[in-house]
Amino acid sequence: AIFESNGLGRGSLSESCRDFIEKTGITPGLGRHGVAEGDLDSIADEAFGDPCHPGNMVQVTRDDMRMVLAASMNTRL
């Protein structure tokens, strides 16, 4: 509903998210925001230790989080 009400509704969630990110001007890619590869272990540790983590619908390991962070270092739309 949030995407449709803002004129961003598309055929898939990924398309709607892409449109939303482009419209807000957010630059994707952690590396473009000063995050270094060497920071990823401590970020993954902190994310895994966050009290919200156990309530996630999809259970992930600390290594899963590290892998997602690494994949998002140079993400482009």
N, C-alpha and C. Protein backbone atom coordinates (compact mmCIF):
# COMPACT_ATOMS: atom_id res chain seq x y z
N ALA A 1 0.82 -1.19 0.00
CA ALA A 1 0.00 0.00 0.00
C ALA A 1 0.87 1.26 0.00
N ILE A 2 1.97 1.25 0.75
CA ILE A 2 2.81 2.45 0.79
C ILE A 2 3.36 2.80 -0.59
N PHE A 3 3.69 1.78 -1.38
CA PHE A 3 4.24 2.05 -2.70
C PHE A 3 3.16 2.60 -3.63
N GLU A 4 1.98 1.98 -3.63
CA GLU A 4 0.90 2.44 -4.51
C GLU A 4 0.48 3.86 -4.17
N SER A 5 0.35 4.17 -2.88
CA SER A 5 -0.12 5.50 -2.48
C SER A 5 0.88 6.60 -2.85
N ASN A 6 2.11 6.23 -3.13
CA ASN A 6 3.13 7.20 -3.53
C ASN A 6 3.49 7.10 -5.00
N GLY A 7 2.64 6.40 -5.77
CA GLY A 7 2.88 6.28 -7.20
C GLY A 7 4.05 5.39 -7.55
N LEU A 8 4.40 4.46 -6.67
CA LEU A 8 5.56 3.61 -6.90
C LEU A 8 5.21 2.14 -7.06
N GLY A 9 3.91 1.82 -7.10
CA GLY A 9 3.50 0.42 -7.23
C GLY A 9 3.93 -0.15 -8.57
N ARG A 10 4.58 -1.29 -8.56
CA ARG A 10 5.06 -1.93 -9.78
C ARG A 10 4.67 -3.39 -9.75
N GLY A 11 5.19 -4.17 -10.69
CA GLY A 11 4.84 -5.57 -10.81
C GLY A 11 5.43 -6.46 -9.74
N SER A 12 6.50 -6.04 -9.09
CA SER A 12 7.13 -6.87 -8.06
C SER A 12 7.62 -5.99 -6.92
N LEU A 13 7.83 -6.62 -5.78
CA LEU A 13 8.34 -5.88 -4.62
C LEU A 13 9.71 -5.29 -4.91
N SER A 14 10.57 -6.04 -5.59
CA SER A 14 11.91 -5.52 -5.88
C SER A 14 11.84 -4.29 -6.79
N GLU A 15 10.93 -4.29 -7.76
CA GLU A 15 10.78 -3.11 -8.63
C GLU A 15 10.25 -1.92 -7.83
N SER A 16 9.28 -2.18 -6.96
CA SER A 16 8.72 -1.10 -6.13
C SER A 16 9.79 -0.53 -5.21
N CYS A 17 10.59 -1.39 -4.60
CA CYS A 17 11.67 -0.93 -3.72
C CYS A 17 12.70 -0.12 -4.50
N ARG A 18 13.06 -0.60 -5.69
CA ARG A 18 14.03 0.12 -6.52
C ARG A 18 13.51 1.52 -6.84
N ASP A 19 12.24 1.63 -7.23
CA ASP A 19 11.65 2.93 -7.52
C ASP A 19 11.67 3.83 -6.29
N PHE A 20 11.33 3.26 -5.14
CA PHE A 20 11.32 4.02 -3.89
C PHE A 20 12.72 4.55 -3.57
N ILE A 21 13.72 3.71 -3.68
CA ILE A 21 15.10 4.10 -3.38
C ILE A 21 15.55 5.20 -4.34
N GLU A 22 15.23 5.05 -5.62
CA GLU A 22 15.62 6.07 -6.59
C GLU A 22 14.93 7.40 -6.29
N LYS A 23 13.64 7.34 -5.94
CA LYS A 23 12.89 8.57 -5.67
C LYS A 23 13.43 9.29 -4.43
N THR A 24 13.87 8.55 -3.42
CA THR A 24 14.37 9.18 -2.20
C THR A 24 15.80 9.69 -2.36
N GLY A 25 16.48 9.24 -3.41
CA GLY A 25 17.84 9.69 -3.64
C GLY A 25 18.89 8.94 -2.82
N ILE A 26 18.49 7.82 -2.23
CA ILE A 26 19.43 7.02 -1.45
C ILE A 26 20.44 6.37 -2.40
N THR A 27 21.71 6.49 -2.08
CA THR A 27 22.75 5.85 -2.87
C THR A 27 23.03 4.48 -2.27
N PRO A 28 22.72 3.41 -3.00
CA PRO A 28 22.97 2.07 -2.45
C PRO A 28 24.46 1.72 -2.44
N GLY A 29 24.81 0.81 -1.57
CA GLY A 29 26.19 0.35 -1.48
C GLY A 29 26.86 0.88 -0.23
N LEU A 30 27.11 0.00 0.73
CA LEU A 30 27.74 0.42 1.98
C LEU A 30 29.09 1.09 1.76
N GLY A 31 29.84 0.60 0.78
CA GLY A 31 31.15 1.17 0.49
C GLY A 31 31.08 2.63 0.08
N ARG A 32 29.98 3.03 -0.53
CA ARG A 32 29.80 4.42 -0.95
C ARG A 32 29.47 5.34 0.22
N HIS A 33 29.29 4.75 1.40
CA HIS A 33 28.96 5.53 2.59
C HIS A 33 30.06 5.42 3.64
N GLY A 34 31.26 5.06 3.19
CA GLY A 34 32.41 5.05 4.08
C GLY A 34 32.64 3.77 4.87
N VAL A 35 31.85 2.73 4.58
CA VAL A 35 32.05 1.46 5.27
C VAL A 35 33.18 0.71 4.57
N ALA A 36 34.17 0.29 5.33
CA ALA A 36 35.30 -0.45 4.78
C ALA A 36 35.07 -1.95 4.96
N GLU A 37 35.65 -2.73 4.07
CA GLU A 37 35.55 -4.19 4.15
C GLU A 37 35.97 -4.69 5.54
N GLY A 38 36.97 -4.05 6.12
CA GLY A 38 37.46 -4.45 7.43
C GLY A 38 36.47 -4.18 8.57
N ASP A 39 35.44 -3.39 8.30
CA ASP A 39 34.42 -3.09 9.31
C ASP A 39 33.32 -4.15 9.38
N LEU A 40 33.23 -5.00 8.37
CA LEU A 40 32.09 -5.89 8.24
C LEU A 40 31.96 -6.91 9.38
N ASP A 41 33.08 -7.41 9.88
CA ASP A 41 32.99 -8.37 10.98
C ASP A 41 32.37 -7.74 12.23
N SER A 42 32.81 -6.55 12.58
CA SER A 42 32.26 -5.91 13.78
C SER A 42 30.80 -5.50 13.56
N ILE A 43 30.45 -5.09 12.35
CA ILE A 43 29.05 -4.75 12.06
C ILE A 43 28.18 -5.99 12.15
N ALA A 44 28.66 -7.11 11.61
CA ALA A 44 27.91 -8.36 11.68
C ALA A 44 27.75 -8.81 13.14
N ASP A 45 28.80 -8.67 13.93
CA ASP A 45 28.71 -9.03 15.35
C ASP A 45 27.66 -8.18 16.06
N GLU A 46 27.69 -6.88 15.79
CA GLU A 46 26.74 -5.97 16.43
C GLU A 46 25.31 -6.28 15.99
N ALA A 47 25.12 -6.54 14.70
CA ALA A 47 23.78 -6.86 14.19
C ALA A 47 23.27 -8.16 14.80
N PHE A 48 24.14 -9.15 14.91
CA PHE A 48 23.73 -10.44 15.47
C PHE A 48 23.37 -10.29 16.95
N GLY A 49 24.06 -9.39 17.64
CA GLY A 49 23.79 -9.18 19.05
C GLY A 49 22.62 -8.25 19.34
N ASP A 50 22.06 -7.63 18.31
CA ASP A 50 20.94 -6.71 18.49
C ASP A 50 19.74 -7.46 19.06
N PRO A 51 19.02 -6.87 20.01
CA PRO A 51 17.87 -7.55 20.61
C PRO A 51 16.74 -7.83 19.62
N CYS A 52 16.72 -7.15 18.49
CA CYS A 52 15.68 -7.41 17.48
C CYS A 52 15.96 -8.68 16.69
N HIS A 53 17.20 -9.10 16.64
CA HIS A 53 17.59 -10.25 15.82
C HIS A 53 16.81 -11.52 16.13
N PRO A 54 16.66 -11.92 17.40
CA PRO A 54 15.95 -13.17 17.68
C PRO A 54 14.49 -13.18 17.22
N GLY A 55 13.89 -12.01 17.07
CA GLY A 55 12.50 -11.93 16.64
C GLY A 55 12.30 -11.93 15.14
N ASN A 56 13.39 -12.00 14.39
CA ASN A 56 13.29 -12.01 12.93
C ASN A 56 12.56 -13.26 12.47
N MET A 57 11.67 -13.11 11.49
CA MET A 57 10.90 -14.25 10.98
C MET A 57 11.79 -15.30 10.35
N VAL A 58 12.89 -14.87 9.75
CA VAL A 58 13.83 -15.79 9.12
C VAL A 58 15.08 -15.83 9.99
N GLN A 59 15.38 -16.98 10.54
CA GLN A 59 16.55 -17.10 11.40
C GLN A 59 17.82 -17.11 10.55
N VAL A 60 18.76 -16.27 10.93
CA VAL A 60 20.03 -16.18 10.21
C VAL A 60 21.18 -16.30 11.21
N THR A 61 22.30 -16.75 10.71
CA THR A 61 23.50 -16.84 11.53
C THR A 61 24.29 -15.55 11.40
N ARG A 62 25.27 -15.40 12.23
CA ARG A 62 26.17 -14.24 12.15
C ARG A 62 26.89 -14.25 10.80
N ASP A 63 27.26 -15.44 10.31
CA ASP A 63 27.92 -15.54 9.01
C ASP A 63 26.98 -15.15 7.87
N ASP A 64 25.69 -15.47 8.00
CA ASP A 64 24.71 -15.02 7.01
C ASP A 64 24.68 -13.50 6.94
N MET A 65 24.68 -12.87 8.11
CA MET A 65 24.67 -11.40 8.15
C MET A 65 25.92 -10.83 7.51
N ARG A 66 27.05 -11.43 7.80
CA ARG A 66 28.33 -10.98 7.23
C ARG A 66 28.30 -11.10 5.71
N MET A 67 27.72 -12.18 5.20
CA MET A 67 27.63 -12.40 3.76
C MET A 67 26.74 -11.34 3.10
N VAL A 68 25.62 -11.00 3.72
CA VAL A 68 24.73 -9.97 3.17
C VAL A 68 25.44 -8.61 3.17
N LEU A 69 26.13 -8.30 4.25
CA LEU A 69 26.87 -7.04 4.31
C LEU A 69 27.92 -6.97 3.21
N ALA A 70 28.67 -8.05 3.01
CA ALA A 70 29.70 -8.08 1.97
C ALA A 70 29.08 -7.89 0.59
N ALA A 71 27.94 -8.53 0.36
CA ALA A 71 27.27 -8.41 -0.94
C ALA A 71 26.74 -7.00 -1.18
N SER A 72 26.48 -6.27 -0.11
CA SER A 72 25.92 -4.93 -0.27
C SER A 72 26.98 -3.83 -0.29
N MET A 73 28.24 -4.19 -0.29
CA MET A 73 29.29 -3.17 -0.29
C MET A 73 29.25 -2.28 -1.53
N ASN A 74 29.03 -2.85 -2.69
CA ASN A 74 29.05 -2.07 -3.93
C ASN A 74 27.78 -2.23 -4.74
N THR A 75 26.66 -2.39 -4.05
CA THR A 75 25.38 -2.58 -4.71
C THR A 75 25.02 -1.39 -5.58
N ARG A 76 24.48 -1.70 -6.73
CA ARG A 76 23.95 -0.67 -7.63
C ARG A 76 22.52 -1.05 -7.98
N LEU A 77 21.72 -0.06 -8.29
CA LEU A 77 20.34 -0.33 -8.71
C LEU A 77 20.29 -0.80 -10.13
